[in-house]
Amino acid sequence: MEKKNEPFFDKFKSLEKLIYSVKYLPQILYFGSFGIILYSIYSWIFGEVDFIFRLLELPLIFFFIYMSHLIAKNNKKNKS
């Protein structure tokens, strides 16, 4: 069971372990979310069809930022 005094970000350790347990999953999630965000911006600029719902854009951006955080954390750990 989890401790109630555990910091908020320690709850994400199980998610981080799941992401790193599959060989190419981090790369697929990072570049996939980046591509979806870029295509969403492209379709917004050129007035094409809405690719994703507006309600899903914000969680997708936060997920991309979280994946960027994991990459930076992993690179920092590998350098030291």
Protein backbone atom coordinates (compact mmCIF):
# COMPACT_ATOMS: atom_id res chain seq x y z
CA MET A 1 0.00 0.00 0.00
CA GLU A 2 1.06 3.55 -0.59
CA LYS A 3 1.98 5.88 2.21
CA LYS A 4 -0.26 8.91 2.57
CA ASN A 5 2.73 11.20 3.20
CA GLU A 6 4.31 10.27 -0.11
CA PRO A 7 4.97 13.25 -2.42
CA PHE A 8 2.73 13.68 -5.44
CA PHE A 9 5.32 12.83 -8.08
CA ASP A 10 6.36 9.57 -6.41
CA LYS A 11 3.02 8.13 -7.52
CA PHE A 12 4.24 8.38 -11.10
CA LYS A 13 7.06 5.90 -10.52
CA SER A 14 4.85 2.96 -11.48
CA LEU A 15 3.90 4.74 -14.70
CA GLU A 16 7.56 5.45 -15.39
CA LYS A 17 8.45 1.79 -14.83
CA LEU A 18 5.66 0.73 -17.19
CA ILE A 19 6.86 3.11 -19.89
CA TYR A 20 10.48 1.93 -19.64
CA SER A 21 9.52 -1.77 -19.44
CA VAL A 22 8.68 -1.95 -23.16
CA LYS A 23 11.66 -1.52 -25.49
CA TYR A 24 10.54 1.22 -27.91
CA LEU A 25 7.55 2.60 -25.99
CA PRO A 26 9.24 5.82 -24.74
CA GLN A 27 10.27 6.82 -28.27
CA ILE A 28 6.85 5.98 -29.71
CA LEU A 29 5.02 7.94 -27.02
CA TYR A 30 7.33 10.96 -27.23
CA PHE A 31 7.48 11.35 -30.99
CA GLY A 32 3.87 10.26 -31.44
CA SER A 33 2.55 12.94 -29.10
CA PHE A 34 4.94 15.48 -30.67
CA GLY A 35 3.66 14.61 -34.16
CA ILE A 36 0.03 14.87 -33.09
CA ILE A 37 0.68 18.29 -31.51
CA LEU A 38 2.48 19.51 -34.65
CA TYR A 39 -0.30 18.29 -36.93
CA SER A 40 -2.88 19.92 -34.68
CA ILE A 41 -1.04 23.24 -34.96
CA TYR A 42 -0.72 22.78 -38.72
CA SER A 43 -4.44 22.07 -39.12
CA TRP A 44 -5.28 25.07 -36.92
CA ILE A 45 -3.10 27.42 -39.02
CA PHE A 46 -4.28 26.23 -42.42
CA GLY A 47 -7.90 25.67 -41.41
CA GLU A 48 -8.08 21.99 -42.17
CA VAL A 49 -10.20 19.46 -40.32
CA ASP A 50 -9.79 19.37 -36.53
CA PHE A 51 -7.52 16.40 -35.98
CA ILE A 52 -8.13 16.01 -32.25
CA PHE A 53 -10.79 17.40 -29.97
CA ARG A 54 -9.95 20.60 -28.13
CA LEU A 55 -10.52 18.80 -24.82
CA LEU A 56 -7.72 16.34 -25.61
CA GLU A 57 -5.10 18.89 -26.61
CA LEU A 58 -4.24 20.05 -23.09
CA PRO A 59 -3.75 16.54 -21.63
CA LEU A 60 -1.70 15.63 -24.70
CA ILE A 61 0.54 18.66 -24.18
CA PHE A 62 0.97 17.79 -20.50
CA PHE A 63 1.81 14.21 -21.47
CA PHE A 64 4.44 15.50 -23.92
CA ILE A 65 5.94 17.67 -21.19
CA TYR A 66 5.96 14.68 -18.82
CA MET A 67 7.74 12.53 -21.42
CA SER A 68 10.27 15.36 -21.92
CA HIS A 69 10.81 15.38 -18.14
CA LEU A 70 11.44 11.62 -18.14
CA ILE A 71 13.94 11.95 -20.99
CA ALA A 72 15.81 14.75 -19.22
CA LYS A 73 15.81 12.77 -15.97
CA ASN A 74 17.08 9.65 -17.75
CA ASN A 75 19.83 11.59 -19.54
CA LYS A 76 20.91 13.21 -16.28
CA LYS A 77 21.06 9.80 -14.58
CA ASN A 78 23.08 8.28 -17.43
CA LYS A 79 25.67 11.09 -17.41
CA SER A 80 26.44 10.75 -13.72
